Amino acid sequence: TVVADAIRAAGGLPLEIRTTAPSDFVTSAGRKARYLMPTRDLVVND
């Protein structure tokens, strides 16, 4: 919200998008943490 307000004030149109959000201490619970490194590249593609 802070970023979006600043973009508007500067004359831009902010458009929020969401991606996956991997946490090393939460996303590591499944499959012996196999999802952690792959999520980095999943975010890039997202």
ModelCIF file with pLDDT and N, C-alpha, C, O atoms, coordinates in Angstrom:
data_MODEL
#
_entry.id   MODEL 
#
_entity.id                         1 
_entity.type                       polymer 
_entity.pdbx_number_of_molecules   1 
#
_entity_poly.entity_id                      1 
_entity_poly.type                           'polypeptide(L)' 
_entity_poly.nstd_linkage                   no 
_entity_poly.nstd_monomer                   no 
_entity_poly.pdbx_seq_one_letter_code       TVVADAIRAAGGLPLEIRTTAPSDFVTSAGRKARYLMPTRDLVVND 
_entity_poly.pdbx_seq_one_letter_code_can   TVVADAIRAAGGLPLEIRTTAPSDFVTSAGRKARYLMPTRDLVVND 
_entity_poly.pdbx_strand_id                 A 
#
loop_
_entity_poly_seq.entity_id 
_entity_poly_seq.num 
_entity_poly_seq.mon_id 
_entity_poly_seq.hetero 
1 1  THR n 
1 2  VAL n 
1 3  VAL n 
1 4  ALA n 
1 5  ASP n 
1 6  ALA n 
1 7  ILE n 
1 8  ARG n 
1 9  ALA n 
1 10 ALA n 
1 11 GLY n 
1 12 GLY n 
1 13 LEU n 
1 14 PRO n 
1 15 LEU n 
1 16 GLU n 
1 17 ILE n 
1 18 ARG n 
1 19 THR n 
1 20 THR n 
1 21 ALA n 
1 22 PRO n 
1 23 SER n 
1 24 ASP n 
1 25 PHE n 
1 26 VAL n 
1 27 THR n 
1 28 SER n 
1 29 ALA n 
1 30 GLY n 
1 31 ARG n 
1 32 LYS n 
1 33 ALA n 
1 34 ARG n 
1 35 TYR n 
1 36 LEU n 
1 37 MET n 
1 38 PRO n 
1 39 THR n 
1 40 ARG n 
1 41 ASP n 
1 42 LEU n 
1 43 VAL n 
1 44 VAL n 
1 45 ASN n 
1 46 ASP n 
#
_struct_asym.id          A 
_struct_asym.entity_id   1 
#
loop_
_ma_qa_metric.id 
_ma_qa_metric.mode 
_ma_qa_metric.name 
_ma_qa_metric.software_group_id 
_ma_qa_metric.type 
1 global pLDDT . pLDDT 
2 local  pLDDT . pLDDT 
#
_ma_qa_metric_global.metric_id      1 
_ma_qa_metric_global.metric_value   95.63 
_ma_qa_metric_global.model_id       1 
_ma_qa_metric_global.ordinal_id     1 
#
loop_
_ma_qa_metric_local.label_asym_id 
_ma_qa_metric_local.label_comp_id 
_ma_qa_metric_local.label_seq_id 
_ma_qa_metric_local.metric_id 
_ma_qa_metric_local.metric_value 
_ma_qa_metric_local.model_id 
_ma_qa_metric_local.ordinal_id 
A THR 1  2 98.00 1 1  
A VAL 2  2 98.00 1 2  
A VAL 3  2 98.00 1 3  
A ALA 4  2 98.00 1 4  
A ASP 5  2 98.00 1 5  
A ALA 6  2 98.00 1 6  
A ILE 7  2 99.00 1 7  
A ARG 8  2 98.00 1 8  
A ALA 9  2 98.00 1 9  
A ALA 10 2 98.00 1 10 
A GLY 11 2 98.00 1 11 
A GLY 12 2 98.00 1 12 
A LEU 13 2 98.00 1 13 
A PRO 14 2 98.00 1 14 
A LEU 15 2 98.00 1 15 
A GLU 16 2 98.00 1 16 
A ILE 17 2 97.00 1 17 
A ARG 18 2 96.00 1 18 
A THR 19 2 96.00 1 19 
A THR 20 2 95.00 1 20 
A ALA 21 2 95.00 1 21 
A PRO 22 2 95.00 1 22 
A SER 23 2 94.00 1 23 
A ASP 24 2 91.00 1 24 
A PHE 25 2 90.00 1 25 
A VAL 26 2 94.00 1 26 
A THR 27 2 93.00 1 27 
A SER 28 2 90.00 1 28 
A ALA 29 2 91.00 1 29 
A GLY 30 2 92.00 1 30 
A ARG 31 2 91.00 1 31 
A LYS 32 2 88.00 1 32 
A ALA 33 2 90.00 1 33 
A ARG 34 2 95.00 1 34 
A TYR 35 2 95.00 1 35 
A LEU 36 2 94.00 1 36 
A MET 37 2 95.00 1 37 
A PRO 38 2 96.00 1 38 
A THR 39 2 96.00 1 39 
A ARG 40 2 97.00 1 40 
A ASP 41 2 97.00 1 41 
A LEU 42 2 97.00 1 42 
A VAL 43 2 98.00 1 43 
A VAL 44 2 98.00 1 44 
A ASN 45 2 97.00 1 45 
A ASP 46 2 97.00 1 46 
#
loop_
_atom_site.group_PDB 
_atom_site.id 
_atom_site.type_symbol 
_atom_site.label_atom_id 
_atom_site.label_alt_id 
_atom_site.label_comp_id 
_atom_site.label_asym_id 
_atom_site.label_entity_id 
_atom_site.label_seq_id 
_atom_site.pdbx_PDB_ins_code 
_atom_site.Cartn_x 
_atom_site.Cartn_y 
_atom_site.Cartn_z 
_atom_site.occupancy 
_atom_site.B_iso_or_equiv 
_atom_site.pdbx_formal_charge 
_atom_site.auth_seq_id 
_atom_site.auth_comp_id 
_atom_site.auth_asym_id 
_atom_site.auth_atom_id 
_atom_site.pdbx_PDB_model_num 
ATOM 1   N N  . THR A 1 1  ? 0.828  -1.210  0.000   1.00 98.00 ? 1  THR A N  1 
ATOM 2   C CA . THR A 1 1  ? 0.000  0.000   0.000   1.00 98.00 ? 1  THR A CA 1 
ATOM 3   C C  . THR A 1 1  ? 0.857  1.252   0.000   1.00 98.00 ? 1  THR A C  1 
ATOM 4   O O  . THR A 1 1  ? 0.547  2.217   -0.699  1.00 98.00 ? 1  THR A O  1 
ATOM 5   N N  . VAL A 1 2  ? 1.940  1.247   0.783   1.00 98.00 ? 2  VAL A N  1 
ATOM 6   C CA . VAL A 1 2  ? 2.863  2.387   0.820   1.00 98.00 ? 2  VAL A CA 1 
ATOM 7   C C  . VAL A 1 2  ? 3.467  2.617   -0.562  1.00 98.00 ? 2  VAL A C  1 
ATOM 8   O O  . VAL A 1 2  ? 3.535  3.751   -1.036  1.00 98.00 ? 2  VAL A O  1 
ATOM 9   N N  . VAL A 1 3  ? 3.904  1.540   -1.203  1.00 98.00 ? 3  VAL A N  1 
ATOM 10  C CA . VAL A 1 3  ? 4.512  1.647   -2.533  1.00 98.00 ? 3  VAL A CA 1 
ATOM 11  C C  . VAL A 1 3  ? 3.481  2.159   -3.542  1.00 98.00 ? 3  VAL A C  1 
ATOM 12  O O  . VAL A 1 3  ? 3.775  3.042   -4.347  1.00 98.00 ? 3  VAL A O  1 
ATOM 13  N N  . ALA A 1 4  ? 2.273  1.597   -3.490  1.00 98.00 ? 4  ALA A N  1 
ATOM 14  C CA . ALA A 1 4  ? 1.230  1.995   -4.441  1.00 98.00 ? 4  ALA A CA 1 
ATOM 15  C C  . ALA A 1 4  ? 0.870  3.464   -4.293  1.00 98.00 ? 4  ALA A C  1 
ATOM 16  O O  . ALA A 1 4  ? 0.701  4.166   -5.290  1.00 98.00 ? 4  ALA A O  1 
ATOM 17  N N  . ASP A 1 5  ? 0.751  3.932   -3.062  1.00 98.00 ? 5  ASP A N  1 
ATOM 18  C CA . ASP A 1 5  ? 0.431  5.350   -2.829  1.00 98.00 ? 5  ASP A CA 1 
ATOM 19  C C  . ASP A 1 5  ? 1.508  6.259   -3.428  1.00 98.00 ? 5  ASP A C  1 
ATOM 20  O O  . ASP A 1 5  ? 1.198  7.298   -4.009  1.00 98.00 ? 5  ASP A O  1 
ATOM 21  N N  . ALA A 1 6  ? 2.776  5.858   -3.281  1.00 98.00 ? 6  ALA A N  1 
ATOM 22  C CA . ALA A 1 6  ? 3.882  6.656   -3.816  1.00 98.00 ? 6  ALA A CA 1 
ATOM 23  C C  . ALA A 1 6  ? 3.875  6.651   -5.340  1.00 98.00 ? 6  ALA A C  1 
ATOM 24  O O  . ALA A 1 6  ? 4.176  7.670   -5.963  1.00 98.00 ? 6  ALA A O  1 
ATOM 25  N N  . ILE A 1 7  ? 3.536  5.524   -5.942  1.00 99.00 ? 7  ILE A N  1 
ATOM 26  C CA . ILE A 1 7  ? 3.456  5.450   -7.406  1.00 99.00 ? 7  ILE A CA 1 
ATOM 27  C C  . ILE A 1 7  ? 2.370  6.382   -7.925  1.00 99.00 ? 7  ILE A C  1 
ATOM 28  O O  . ILE A 1 7  ? 2.577  7.100   -8.903  1.00 99.00 ? 7  ILE A O  1 
ATOM 29  N N  . ARG A 1 8  ? 1.220  6.371   -7.274  1.00 98.00 ? 8  ARG A N  1 
ATOM 30  C CA . ARG A 1 8  ? 0.131  7.267   -7.691  1.00 98.00 ? 8  ARG A CA 1 
ATOM 31  C C  . ARG A 1 8  ? 0.553  8.730   -7.571  1.00 98.00 ? 8  ARG A C  1 
ATOM 32  O O  . ARG A 1 8  ? 0.304  9.532   -8.471  1.00 98.00 ? 8  ARG A O  1 
ATOM 33  N N  . ALA A 1 9  ? 1.193  9.067   -6.457  1.00 98.00 ? 9  ALA A N  1 
ATOM 34  C CA . ALA A 1 9  ? 1.614  10.455  -6.239  1.00 98.00 ? 9  ALA A CA 1 
ATOM 35  C C  . ALA A 1 9  ? 2.623  10.908  -7.288  1.00 98.00 ? 9  ALA A C  1 
ATOM 36  O O  . ALA A 1 9  ? 2.709  12.096  -7.597  1.00 98.00 ? 9  ALA A O  1 
ATOM 37  N N  . ALA A 1 10 ? 3.390  9.959   -7.839  1.00 98.00 ? 10 ALA A N  1 
ATOM 38  C CA . ALA A 1 10 ? 4.402  10.291  -8.844  1.00 98.00 ? 10 ALA A CA 1 
ATOM 39  C C  . ALA A 1 10 ? 3.841  10.278  -10.259 1.00 98.00 ? 10 ALA A C  1 
ATOM 40  O O  . ALA A 1 10 ? 4.562  10.546  -11.221 1.00 98.00 ? 10 ALA A O  1 
ATOM 41  N N  . GLY A 1 11 ? 2.558  9.967   -10.386 1.00 98.00 ? 11 GLY A N  1 
ATOM 42  C CA . GLY A 1 11 ? 1.944  9.993   -11.707 1.00 98.00 ? 11 GLY A CA 1 
ATOM 43  C C  . GLY A 1 11 ? 1.859  8.666   -12.405 1.00 98.00 ? 11 GLY A C  1 
ATOM 44  O O  . GLY A 1 11 ? 1.692  8.622   -13.624 1.00 98.00 ? 11 GLY A O  1 
ATOM 45  N N  . GLY A 1 12 ? 1.969  7.566   -11.661 1.00 98.00 ? 12 GLY A N  1 
ATOM 46  C CA . GLY A 1 12 ? 1.866  6.230   -12.241 1.00 98.00 ? 12 GLY A CA 1 
ATOM 47  C C  . GLY A 1 12 ? 0.613  5.513   -11.788 1.00 98.00 ? 12 GLY A C  1 
ATOM 48  O O  . GLY A 1 12 ? -0.101 5.984   -10.903 1.00 98.00 ? 12 GLY A O  1 
ATOM 49  N N  . LEU A 1 13 ? 0.351  4.367   -12.402 1.00 98.00 ? 13 LEU A N  1 
ATOM 50  C CA . LEU A 1 13 ? -0.776 3.514   -12.026 1.00 98.00 ? 13 LEU A CA 1 
ATOM 51  C C  . LEU A 1 13 ? -0.226 2.220   -11.431 1.00 98.00 ? 13 LEU A C  1 
ATOM 52  O O  . LEU A 1 13 ? 0.320  1.394   -12.164 1.00 98.00 ? 13 LEU A O  1 
ATOM 53  N N  . PRO A 1 14 ? -0.360 2.025   -10.096 1.00 98.00 ? 14 PRO A N  1 
ATOM 54  C CA . PRO A 1 14 ? 0.129  0.789   -9.483  1.00 98.00 ? 14 PRO A CA 1 
ATOM 55  C C  . PRO A 1 14 ? -0.855 -0.357  -9.708  1.00 98.00 ? 14 PRO A C  1 
ATOM 56  O O  . PRO A 1 14 ? -2.066 -0.182  -9.573  1.00 98.00 ? 14 PRO A O  1 
ATOM 57  N N  . LEU A 1 15 ? -0.329 -1.519  -10.048 1.00 98.00 ? 15 LEU A N  1 
ATOM 58  C CA . LEU A 1 15 ? -1.144 -2.710  -10.258 1.00 98.00 ? 15 LEU A CA 1 
ATOM 59  C C  . LEU A 1 15 ? -0.501 -3.858  -9.483  1.00 98.00 ? 15 LEU A C  1 
ATOM 60  O O  . LEU A 1 15 ? 0.536  -4.384  -9.887  1.00 98.00 ? 15 LEU A O  1 
ATOM 61  N N  . GLU A 1 16 ? -1.114 -4.235  -8.385  1.00 98.00 ? 16 GLU A N  1 
ATOM 62  C CA . GLU A 1 16 ? -0.524 -5.262  -7.518  1.00 98.00 ? 16 GLU A CA 1 
ATOM 63  C C  . GLU A 1 16 ? -0.722 -6.645  -8.110  1.00 98.00 ? 16 GLU A C  1 
ATOM 64  O O  . GLU A 1 16 ? -1.822 -6.998  -8.536  1.00 98.00 ? 16 GLU A O  1 
ATOM 65  N N  . ILE A 1 17 ? 0.361  -7.431  -8.135  1.00 97.00 ? 17 ILE A N  1 
ATOM 66  C CA . ILE A 1 17 ? 0.269  -8.836  -8.530  1.00 97.00 ? 17 ILE A CA 1 
ATOM 67  C C  . ILE A 1 17 ? 0.849  -9.689  -7.413  1.00 97.00 ? 17 ILE A C  1 
ATOM 68  O O  . ILE A 1 17 ? 1.691  -9.227  -6.643  1.00 97.00 ? 17 ILE A O  1 
ATOM 69  N N  . ARG A 1 18 ? 0.400  -10.925 -7.326  1.00 96.00 ? 18 ARG A N  1 
ATOM 70  C CA . ARG A 1 18 ? 0.844  -11.844 -6.273  1.00 96.00 ? 18 ARG A CA 1 
ATOM 71  C C  . ARG A 1 18 ? 1.617  -13.001 -6.892  1.00 96.00 ? 18 ARG A C  1 
ATOM 72  O O  . ARG A 1 18 ? 1.341  -13.427 -8.013  1.00 96.00 ? 18 ARG A O  1 
ATOM 73  N N  . THR A 1 19 ? 2.577  -13.490 -6.146  1.00 96.00 ? 19 THR A N  1 
ATOM 74  C CA . THR A 1 19 ? 3.309  -14.689 -6.556  1.00 96.00 ? 19 THR A CA 1 
ATOM 75  C C  . THR A 1 19 ? 3.337  -15.656 -5.375  1.00 96.00 ? 19 THR A C  1 
ATOM 76  O O  . THR A 1 19 ? 2.902  -15.317 -4.274  1.00 96.00 ? 19 THR A O  1 
ATOM 77  N N  . THR A 1 20 ? 3.846  -16.850 -5.610  1.00 95.00 ? 20 THR A N  1 
ATOM 78  C CA . THR A 1 20 ? 4.100  -17.759 -4.496  1.00 95.00 ? 20 THR A CA 1 
ATOM 79  C C  . THR A 1 20 ? 5.120  -17.119 -3.554  1.00 95.00 ? 20 THR A C  1 
ATOM 80  O O  . THR A 1 20 ? 5.921  -16.286 -3.979  1.00 95.00 ? 20 THR A O  1 
ATOM 81  N N  . ALA A 1 21 ? 5.093  -17.503 -2.288  1.00 95.00 ? 21 ALA A N  1 
ATOM 82  C CA . ALA A 1 21 ? 5.955  -16.886 -1.289  1.00 95.00 ? 21 ALA A CA 1 
ATOM 83  C C  . ALA A 1 21 ? 6.626  -17.982 -0.454  1.00 95.00 ? 21 ALA A C  1 
ATOM 84  O O  . ALA A 1 21 ? 6.130  -18.325 0.619   1.00 95.00 ? 21 ALA A O  1 
ATOM 85  N N  . PRO A 1 22 ? 7.739  -18.532 -0.927  1.00 95.00 ? 22 PRO A N  1 
ATOM 86  C CA . PRO A 1 22 ? 8.398  -19.625 -0.205  1.00 95.00 ? 22 PRO A CA 1 
ATOM 87  C C  . PRO A 1 22 ? 9.130  -19.149 1.046   1.00 95.00 ? 22 PRO A C  1 
ATOM 88  O O  . PRO A 1 22 ? 9.870  -18.166 1.011   1.00 95.00 ? 22 PRO A O  1 
ATOM 89  N N  . SER A 1 23 ? 8.916  -19.853 2.136   1.00 94.00 ? 23 SER A N  1 
ATOM 90  C CA . SER A 1 23 ? 9.612  -19.576 3.394   1.00 94.00 ? 23 SER A CA 1 
ATOM 91  C C  . SER A 1 23 ? 10.461 -20.781 3.753   1.00 94.00 ? 23 SER A C  1 
ATOM 92  O O  . SER A 1 23 ? 9.960  -21.904 3.792   1.00 94.00 ? 23 SER A O  1 
ATOM 93  N N  . ASP A 1 24 ? 11.740 -20.560 4.017   1.00 91.00 ? 24 ASP A N  1 
ATOM 94  C CA . ASP A 1 24 ? 12.622 -21.682 4.309   1.00 91.00 ? 24 ASP A CA 1 
ATOM 95  C C  . ASP A 1 24 ? 12.230 -22.453 5.567   1.00 91.00 ? 24 ASP A C  1 
ATOM 96  O O  . ASP A 1 24 ? 12.569 -23.629 5.697   1.00 91.00 ? 24 ASP A O  1 
ATOM 97  N N  . PHE A 1 25 ? 11.530 -21.817 6.481   1.00 90.00 ? 25 PHE A N  1 
ATOM 98  C CA . PHE A 1 25 ? 11.140 -22.520 7.704   1.00 90.00 ? 25 PHE A CA 1 
ATOM 99  C C  . PHE A 1 25 ? 9.705  -23.032 7.671   1.00 90.00 ? 25 PHE A C  1 
ATOM 100 O O  . PHE A 1 25 ? 9.247  -23.641 8.638   1.00 90.00 ? 25 PHE A O  1 
ATOM 101 N N  . VAL A 1 26 ? 8.987  -22.793 6.570   1.00 94.00 ? 26 VAL A N  1 
ATOM 102 C CA . VAL A 1 26 ? 7.616  -23.304 6.446   1.00 94.00 ? 26 VAL A CA 1 
ATOM 103 C C  . VAL A 1 26 ? 7.484  -24.177 5.203   1.00 94.00 ? 26 VAL A C  1 
ATOM 104 O O  . VAL A 1 26 ? 6.995  -25.304 5.284   1.00 94.00 ? 26 VAL A O  1 
ATOM 105 N N  . THR A 1 27 ? 7.918  -23.663 4.056   1.00 93.00 ? 27 THR A N  1 
ATOM 106 C CA . THR A 1 27 ? 7.827  -24.419 2.811   1.00 93.00 ? 27 THR A CA 1 
ATOM 107 C C  . THR A 1 27 ? 8.758  -25.624 2.827   1.00 93.00 ? 27 THR A C  1 
ATOM 108 O O  . THR A 1 27 ? 8.645  -26.502 1.972   1.00 93.00 ? 27 THR A O  1 
ATOM 109 N N  . SER A 1 28 ? 9.667  -25.676 3.781   1.00 90.00 ? 28 SER A N  1 
ATOM 110 C CA . SER A 1 28 ? 10.602 -26.803 3.893   1.00 90.00 ? 28 SER A CA 1 
ATOM 111 C C  . SER A 1 28 ? 9.960  -28.046 4.491   1.00 90.00 ? 28 SER A C  1 
ATOM 112 O O  . SER A 1 28 ? 10.579 -29.110 4.505   1.00 90.00 ? 28 SER A O  1 
ATOM 113 N N  . ALA A 1 29 ? 8.731  -27.934 4.985   1.00 91.00 ? 29 ALA A N  1 
ATOM 114 C CA . ALA A 1 29 ? 8.109  -29.067 5.689   1.00 91.00 ? 29 ALA A CA 1 
ATOM 115 C C  . ALA A 1 29 ? 7.811  -30.234 4.751   1.00 91.00 ? 29 ALA A C  1 
ATOM 116 O O  . ALA A 1 29 ? 7.908  -31.391 5.160   1.00 91.00 ? 29 ALA A O  1 
ATOM 117 N N  . GLY A 1 30 ? 7.452  -29.948 3.506   1.00 92.00 ? 30 GLY A N  1 
ATOM 118 C CA . GLY A 1 30 ? 7.068  -31.011 2.588   1.00 92.00 ? 30 GLY A CA 1 
ATOM 119 C C  . GLY A 1 30 ? 8.213  -31.530 1.759   1.00 92.00 ? 30 GLY A C  1 
ATOM 120 O O  . GLY A 1 30 ? 9.064  -30.766 1.303   1.00 92.00 ? 30 GLY A O  1 
ATOM 121 N N  . ARG A 1 31 ? 8.230  -32.840 1.565   1.00 91.00 ? 31 ARG A N  1 
ATOM 122 C CA . ARG A 1 31 ? 9.171  -33.493 0.654   1.00 91.00 ? 31 ARG A CA 1 
ATOM 123 C C  . ARG A 1 31 ? 10.628 -33.166 0.990   1.00 91.00 ? 31 ARG A C  1 
ATOM 124 O O  . ARG A 1 31 ? 11.454 -32.962 0.101   1.00 91.00 ? 31 ARG A O  1 
ATOM 125 N N  . LYS A 1 32 ? 10.921 -33.123 2.277   1.00 88.00 ? 32 LYS A N  1 
ATOM 126 C CA . LYS A 1 32 ? 12.309 -32.890 2.724   1.00 88.00 ? 32 LYS A CA 1 
ATOM 127 C C  . LYS A 1 32 ? 12.874 -31.598 2.154   1.00 88.00 ? 32 LYS A C  1 
ATOM 128 O O  . LYS A 1 32 ? 14.056 -31.528 1.818   1.00 88.00 ? 32 LYS A O  1 
ATOM 129 N N  . ALA A 1 33 ? 12.035 -30.579 2.045   1.00 90.00 ? 33 ALA A N  1 
ATOM 130 C CA . ALA A 1 33 ? 12.423 -29.232 1.585   1.00 90.00 ? 33 ALA A CA 1 
ATOM 131 C C  . ALA A 1 33 ? 12.708 -29.176 0.097   1.00 90.00 ? 33 ALA A C  1 
ATOM 132 O O  . ALA A 1 33 ? 13.310 -28.209 -0.369  1.00 90.00 ? 33 ALA A O  1 
ATOM 133 N N  . ARG A 1 34 ? 12.298 -30.174 -0.662  1.00 95.00 ? 34 ARG A N  1 
ATOM 134 C CA . ARG A 1 34 ? 12.579 -30.190 -2.093  1.00 95.00 ? 34 ARG A CA 1 
ATOM 135 C C  . ARG A 1 34 ? 11.964 -29.005 -2.840  1.00 95.00 ? 34 ARG A C  1 
ATOM 136 O O  . ARG A 1 34 ? 12.451 -28.629 -3.906  1.00 95.00 ? 34 ARG A O  1 
ATOM 137 N N  . TYR A 1 35 ? 10.912 -28.423 -2.298  1.00 95.00 ? 35 TYR A N  1 
ATOM 138 C CA . TYR A 1 35 ? 10.249 -27.328 -3.006  1.00 95.00 ? 35 TYR A CA 1 
ATOM 139 C C  . TYR A 1 35 ? 10.995 -26.000 -2.897  1.00 95.00 ? 35 TYR A C  1 
ATOM 140 O O  . TYR A 1 35 ? 10.718 -25.081 -3.668  1.00 95.00 ? 35 TYR A O  1 
ATOM 141 N N  . LEU A 1 36 ? 11.935 -25.878 -1.958  1.00 94.00 ? 36 LEU A N  1 
ATOM 142 C CA . LEU A 1 36 ? 12.525 -24.566 -1.693  1.00 94.00 ? 36 LEU A CA 1 
ATOM 143 C C  . LEU A 1 36 ? 13.265 -23.983 -2.893  1.00 94.00 ? 36 LEU A C  1 
ATOM 144 O O  . LEU A 1 36 ? 12.903 -22.906 -3.367  1.00 94.00 ? 36 LEU A O  1 
ATOM 145 N N  . MET A 1 37 ? 14.282 -24.659 -3.392  1.00 95.00 ? 37 MET A N  1 
ATOM 146 C CA . MET A 1 37 ? 15.021 -24.110 -4.533  1.00 95.00 ? 37 MET A CA 1 
ATOM 147 C C  . MET A 1 37 ? 14.140 -23.943 -5.769  1.00 95.00 ? 37 MET A C  1 
ATOM 148 O O  . MET A 1 37 ? 14.218 -22.910 -6.433  1.00 95.00 ? 37 MET A O  1 
ATOM 149 N N  . PRO A 1 38 ? 13.301 -24.934 -6.096  1.00 96.00 ? 38 PRO A N  1 
ATOM 150 C CA . PRO A 1 38 ? 12.441 -24.759 -7.272  1.00 96.00 ? 38 PRO A CA 1 
ATOM 151 C C  . PRO A 1 38 ? 11.490 -23.568 -7.174  1.00 96.00 ? 38 PRO A C  1 
ATOM 152 O O  . PRO A 1 38 ? 11.102 -23.006 -8.198  1.00 96.00 ? 38 PRO A O  1 
ATOM 153 N N  . THR A 1 39 ? 11.106 -23.174 -5.954  1.00 96.00 ? 39 THR A N  1 
ATOM 154 C CA . THR A 1 39 ? 10.189 -22.035 -5.854  1.00 96.00 ? 39 THR A CA 1 
ATOM 155 C C  . THR A 1 39 ? 10.867 -20.736 -6.290  1.00 96.00 ? 39 THR A C  1 
ATOM 156 O O  . THR A 1 39 ? 10.196 -19.814 -6.753  1.00 96.00 ? 39 THR A O  1 
ATOM 157 N N  . ARG A 1 40 ? 12.192 -20.657 -6.144  1.00 97.00 ? 40 ARG A N  1 
ATOM 158 C CA . ARG A 1 40 ? 12.889 -19.459 -6.626  1.00 97.00 ? 40 ARG A CA 1 
ATOM 159 C C  . ARG A 1 40 ? 12.579 -19.237 -8.097  1.00 97.00 ? 40 ARG A C  1 
ATOM 160 O O  . ARG A 1 40 ? 12.206 -18.135 -8.500  1.00 97.00 ? 40 ARG A O  1 
ATOM 161 N N  . ASP A 1 41 ? 12.733 -20.280 -8.894  1.00 97.00 ? 41 ASP A N  1 
ATOM 162 C CA . ASP A 1 41 ? 12.521 -20.154 -10.332 1.00 97.00 ? 41 ASP A CA 1 
ATOM 163 C C  . ASP A 1 41 ? 11.039 -20.096 -10.683 1.00 97.00 ? 41 ASP A C  1 
ATOM 164 O O  . ASP A 1 41 ? 10.664 -19.546 -11.718 1.00 97.00 ? 41 ASP A O  1 
ATOM 165 N N  . LEU A 1 42 ? 10.199 -20.662 -9.823  1.00 97.00 ? 42 LEU A N  1 
ATOM 166 C CA . LEU A 1 42 ? 8.754  -20.536 -10.018 1.00 97.00 ? 42 LEU A CA 1 
ATOM 167 C C  . LEU A 1 42 ? 8.331  -19.076 -9.886  1.00 97.00 ? 42 LEU A C  1 
ATOM 168 O O  . LEU A 1 42 ? 7.500  -18.598 -10.659 1.00 97.00 ? 42 LEU A O  1 
ATOM 169 N N  . VAL A 1 43 ? 8.902  -18.365 -8.905  1.00 98.00 ? 43 VAL A N  1 
ATOM 170 C CA . VAL A 1 43 ? 8.605  -16.939 -8.732  1.00 98.00 ? 43 VAL A CA 1 
ATOM 171 C C  . VAL A 1 43 ? 9.038  -16.149 -9.963  1.00 98.00 ? 43 VAL A C  1 
ATOM 172 O O  . VAL A 1 43 ? 8.311  -15.271 -10.428 1.00 98.00 ? 43 VAL A O  1 
ATOM 173 N N  . VAL A 1 44 ? 10.227 -16.463 -10.493 1.00 98.00 ? 44 VAL A N  1 
ATOM 174 C CA . VAL A 1 44 ? 10.713 -15.764 -11.685 1.00 98.00 ? 44 VAL A CA 1 
ATOM 175 C C  . VAL A 1 44 ? 9.717  -15.919 -12.833 1.00 98.00 ? 44 VAL A C  1 
ATOM 176 O O  . VAL A 1 44 ? 9.363  -14.943 -13.494 1.00 98.00 ? 44 VAL A O  1 
ATOM 177 N N  . ASN A 1 45 ? 9.274  -17.141 -13.060 1.00 97.00 ? 45 ASN A N  1 
ATOM 178 C CA . ASN A 1 45 ? 8.327  -17.386 -14.144 1.00 97.00 ? 45 ASN A CA 1 
ATOM 179 C C  . ASN A 1 45 ? 6.975  -16.738 -13.872 1.00 97.00 ? 45 ASN A C  1 
ATOM 180 O O  . ASN A 1 45 ? 6.311  -16.266 -14.794 1.00 97.00 ? 45 ASN A O  1 
ATOM 181 N N  . ASP A 1 46 ? 6.573  -16.718 -12.612 1.00 97.00 ? 46 ASP A N  1 
ATOM 182 C CA . ASP A 1 46 ? 5.317  -16.093 -12.207 1.00 97.00 ? 46 ASP A CA 1 
ATOM 183 C C  . ASP A 1 46 ? 5.337  -14.596 -12.537 1.00 97.00 ? 46 ASP A C  1 
ATOM 184 O O  . ASP A 1 46 ? 4.363  -13.892 -12.270 1.00 97.00 ? 46 ASP A O  1 
#
